[in-house]
Amino acid sequence: MPNVTISVPDPLKAEMDTLSEVNWSEICRSAISRYIAQRKNPSPQIELNLRTALLIANDAETGYPTIRLGLRIHNKMDSDITVDRILTQSSLFTEGGGYVGTFGFANDLYKRYIPKNSVASAQVFMMIPKAKIADLKDKFKATFKCVISCTVYVEGFRQEYTQTIQTQIPIDQWNNMVKEALSLQST
């Protein structure tokens, strides 16, 4: 079996020396094997969960009508990752499943460090042009579905991670937001 030499800082070596029963070669072999196995998978092993989806007629952060998405990012790997960016695009469907249109897209360009087997959160602000709200205002008669396609880029991986998440938009919240957003437009 070939030998590989690694360098560690003096304080770490001192701690290793206090654990004389540990087979450090086996620890290193295992860590290297696990790392290689993860890198062979071209896309990261993560999962997204939608925690919140809020309709806001005049978002203080963006100044526009917005759907604010609260996402939970679960790193399912045995190594730390850095999420480079999250891109989202929405599709809207009636209660019966008919495609109606889109709110648009949003990008979250903030880098996030996520430790191994851990979670982090992200907020995505999907601004909705008032012209789009005017076009969609009479399209829904009942609660409708918003399907959000998410693409997550993680440093060190050749392929992005993609996942679709869904939320229901209650018709009363939609109608209130439409009314408020369009009344702001006329003032």
Protein backbone atom coordinates (compact mmCIF):
# COMPACT_ATOMS: atom_id res chain seq x y z
CA MET A 1 0.00 0.00 0.00
CA PRO A 2 1.47 3.43 -0.95
CA ASN A 3 2.27 5.97 1.77
CA VAL A 4 0.90 9.53 1.81
CA THR A 5 2.29 12.25 4.07
CA ILE A 6 0.02 14.90 5.57
CA SER A 7 0.93 17.99 7.56
CA VAL A 8 -1.00 19.15 10.61
CA PRO A 9 -0.46 22.17 12.89
CA ASP A 10 1.53 21.56 16.09
CA PRO A 11 -1.49 22.04 18.41
CA LEU A 12 -3.47 19.42 16.44
CA LYS A 13 -0.53 16.98 16.54
CA ALA A 14 -0.30 17.44 20.31
CA GLU A 15 -4.00 16.56 20.65
CA MET A 16 -3.54 13.54 18.39
CA ASP A 17 -0.66 12.33 20.59
CA THR A 18 -2.95 12.31 23.64
CA LEU A 19 -5.15 9.73 21.84
CA SER A 20 -2.50 7.08 21.31
CA GLU A 21 -5.07 4.28 20.84
CA VAL A 22 -6.47 5.90 17.66
CA ASN A 23 -5.37 4.58 14.27
CA TRP A 24 -4.87 7.96 12.53
CA SER A 25 -4.04 6.30 9.22
CA GLU A 26 -7.46 4.63 9.23
CA ILE A 27 -9.16 7.94 10.14
CA CYS A 28 -7.43 9.67 7.20
CA ARG A 29 -8.17 6.77 4.78
CA SER A 30 -11.83 6.87 5.77
CA ALA A 31 -12.07 10.66 5.40
CA ILE A 32 -10.39 10.60 1.98
CA SER A 33 -12.63 7.75 0.77
CA ARG A 34 -15.76 9.57 1.96
CA TYR A 35 -14.63 12.81 0.30
CA ILE A 36 -13.90 11.08 -3.03
CA ALA A 37 -17.27 9.28 -2.94
CA GLN A 38 -19.07 12.57 -2.43
CA ARG A 39 -17.20 14.25 -5.26
CA LYS A 40 -18.00 11.39 -7.65
CA ASN A 41 -21.63 12.41 -7.33
CA PRO A 42 -21.82 15.35 -9.77
CA SER A 43 -24.50 17.19 -7.77
CA PRO A 44 -24.64 17.84 -4.03
CA GLN A 45 -26.84 15.83 -1.69
CA ILE A 46 -29.08 18.56 -0.30
CA GLU A 47 -32.79 19.09 0.15
CA LEU A 48 -34.96 22.20 0.15
CA ASN A 49 -38.06 22.74 2.26
CA LEU A 50 -40.40 25.69 1.97
CA ARG A 51 -40.89 27.14 5.43
CA THR A 52 -42.90 30.24 4.52
CA ALA A 53 -44.45 31.87 1.49
CA LEU A 54 -45.78 35.37 2.17
CA LEU A 55 -47.60 37.64 -0.24
CA ILE A 56 -46.70 41.27 0.43
CA ALA A 57 -48.38 44.13 -1.47
CA ASN A 58 -45.54 46.60 -0.94
CA ASP A 59 -42.47 44.89 0.47
CA ALA A 60 -40.30 47.24 2.55
CA GLU A 61 -37.15 45.52 1.31
CA THR A 62 -37.92 45.56 -2.43
CA GLY A 63 -40.52 48.33 -2.78
CA TYR A 64 -42.61 46.04 -4.99
CA PRO A 65 -45.38 43.50 -4.59
CA THR A 66 -43.46 40.40 -3.58
CA ILE A 67 -43.79 36.76 -2.70
CA ARG A 68 -41.23 36.20 0.04
CA LEU A 69 -40.04 32.59 0.23
CA GLY A 70 -38.39 31.23 3.36
CA LEU A 71 -36.32 28.19 2.41
CA ARG A 72 -34.58 25.62 4.58
CA ILE A 73 -31.49 24.04 3.00
CA HIS A 74 -30.52 20.65 4.43
CA ASN A 75 -26.93 19.52 3.76
CA LYS A 76 -27.21 15.72 3.82
CA MET A 77 -23.52 15.13 3.24
CA ASP A 78 -20.70 14.25 5.62
CA SER A 79 -18.74 17.32 4.51
CA ASP A 80 -19.28 21.06 4.76
CA ILE A 81 -20.56 22.91 1.68
CA THR A 82 -20.86 26.47 0.44
CA VAL A 83 -24.04 27.33 -1.45
CA ASP A 84 -23.00 29.81 -4.12
CA ARG A 85 -26.43 30.95 -5.33
CA ILE A 86 -30.10 29.97 -5.58
CA LEU A 87 -32.18 30.69 -8.68
CA THR A 88 -35.97 30.35 -8.65
CA GLN A 89 -38.80 30.56 -11.16
CA SER A 90 -42.51 30.26 -10.48
CA SER A 91 -45.42 28.72 -12.34
CA LEU A 92 -49.06 29.27 -11.37
CA PHE A 93 -51.86 26.74 -11.68
CA THR A 94 -55.60 26.93 -11.00
CA GLU A 95 -57.20 24.66 -8.43
CA GLY A 96 -58.09 22.32 -11.32
CA GLY A 97 -54.44 22.15 -12.47
CA GLY A 98 -54.62 24.46 -15.49
CA TYR A 99 -51.49 26.50 -16.17
CA VAL A 100 -52.13 30.24 -15.81
CA GLY A 101 -48.76 31.94 -15.96
CA THR A 102 -45.83 32.94 -13.81
CA PHE A 103 -44.99 35.48 -11.13
CA GLY A 104 -41.49 35.56 -12.54
CA PHE A 105 -38.12 34.63 -11.18
CA ALA A 106 -35.78 35.58 -8.35
CA ASN A 107 -32.12 35.04 -7.54
CA ASP A 108 -30.49 34.76 -4.13
CA LEU A 109 -26.80 35.48 -4.70
CA TYR A 110 -25.65 35.29 -1.07
CA LYS A 111 -23.08 32.60 -0.30
CA ARG A 112 -23.97 30.30 2.59
CA TYR A 113 -21.65 27.98 4.47
CA ILE A 114 -23.52 24.90 5.69
CA PRO A 115 -21.75 22.44 8.01
CA LYS A 116 -22.02 18.72 7.33
CA ASN A 117 -25.38 17.11 8.11
CA SER A 118 -26.79 20.49 9.06
CA VAL A 119 -29.32 23.08 7.89
CA ALA A 120 -29.31 26.73 6.89
CA SER A 121 -32.00 29.13 5.77
CA ALA A 122 -32.45 31.47 2.84
CA GLN A 123 -35.00 34.09 1.91
CA VAL A 124 -35.85 34.65 -1.71
CA PHE A 125 -37.77 37.79 -2.71
CA MET A 126 -39.77 37.15 -5.88
CA MET A 127 -40.87 40.61 -7.01
CA ILE A 128 -44.11 40.70 -8.99
CA PRO A 129 -44.45 43.55 -11.48
CA LYS A 130 -47.71 45.45 -11.00
CA ALA A 131 -48.51 44.92 -14.68
CA LYS A 132 -48.30 41.16 -14.03
CA ILE A 133 -50.65 41.50 -11.05
CA ALA A 134 -53.11 43.43 -13.22
CA ASP A 135 -52.92 40.66 -15.87
CA LEU A 136 -53.46 37.90 -13.29
CA LYS A 137 -55.94 39.60 -10.95
CA ASP A 138 -59.08 37.93 -12.38
CA LYS A 139 -57.52 34.57 -13.34
CA PHE A 140 -58.14 32.88 -10.00
CA LYS A 141 -61.50 32.12 -8.43
CA ALA A 142 -60.21 29.87 -5.63
CA THR A 143 -57.00 29.02 -3.80
CA PHE A 144 -54.33 28.25 -6.37
CA LYS A 145 -50.98 26.53 -6.59
CA CYS A 146 -47.59 28.18 -7.04
CA VAL A 147 -44.87 25.77 -8.18
CA ILE A 148 -41.35 27.07 -7.64
CA SER A 149 -38.43 25.56 -9.55
CA CYS A 150 -35.24 26.01 -7.54
CA THR A 151 -31.70 25.63 -8.85
CA VAL A 152 -28.95 25.60 -6.22
CA TYR A 153 -25.27 25.94 -7.10
CA VAL A 154 -22.75 24.53 -4.61
CA GLU A 155 -19.03 25.22 -4.80
CA GLY A 156 -16.95 22.23 -5.86
CA PHE A 157 -19.74 20.37 -7.68
CA ARG A 158 -19.96 20.05 -11.46
CA GLN A 159 -23.75 20.05 -11.54
CA GLU A 160 -26.32 22.18 -9.82
CA TYR A 161 -29.04 20.74 -7.60
CA THR A 162 -32.62 21.22 -8.80
CA GLN A 163 -35.84 20.74 -6.90
CA THR A 164 -39.44 21.82 -7.31
CA ILE A 165 -41.41 23.00 -4.29
CA GLN A 166 -45.08 23.94 -4.09
CA THR A 167 -47.25 26.22 -2.04
CA GLN A 168 -50.94 27.09 -2.02
CA ILE A 169 -51.90 30.76 -2.38
CA PRO A 170 -55.20 31.33 -0.52
CA ILE A 171 -57.60 33.29 -2.71
CA ASP A 172 -58.45 35.79 0.05
CA GLN A 173 -54.76 36.64 0.55
CA TRP A 174 -54.30 36.96 -3.22
CA ASN A 175 -57.32 39.25 -3.59
CA ASN A 176 -56.19 41.44 -0.65
CA MET A 177 -52.69 41.76 -2.09
CA VAL A 178 -54.02 42.56 -5.58
CA LYS A 179 -56.35 45.23 -4.21
CA GLU A 180 -53.62 46.84 -2.07
CA ALA A 181 -50.87 46.62 -4.74
CA LEU A 182 -53.03 48.09 -7.48
CA SER A 183 -54.37 50.85 -5.22
CA LEU A 184 -50.75 51.81 -4.44
CA GLN A 185 -50.12 51.99 -8.17
CA SER A 186 -52.86 54.56 -8.70
CA THR A 187 -51.65 56.89 -5.91
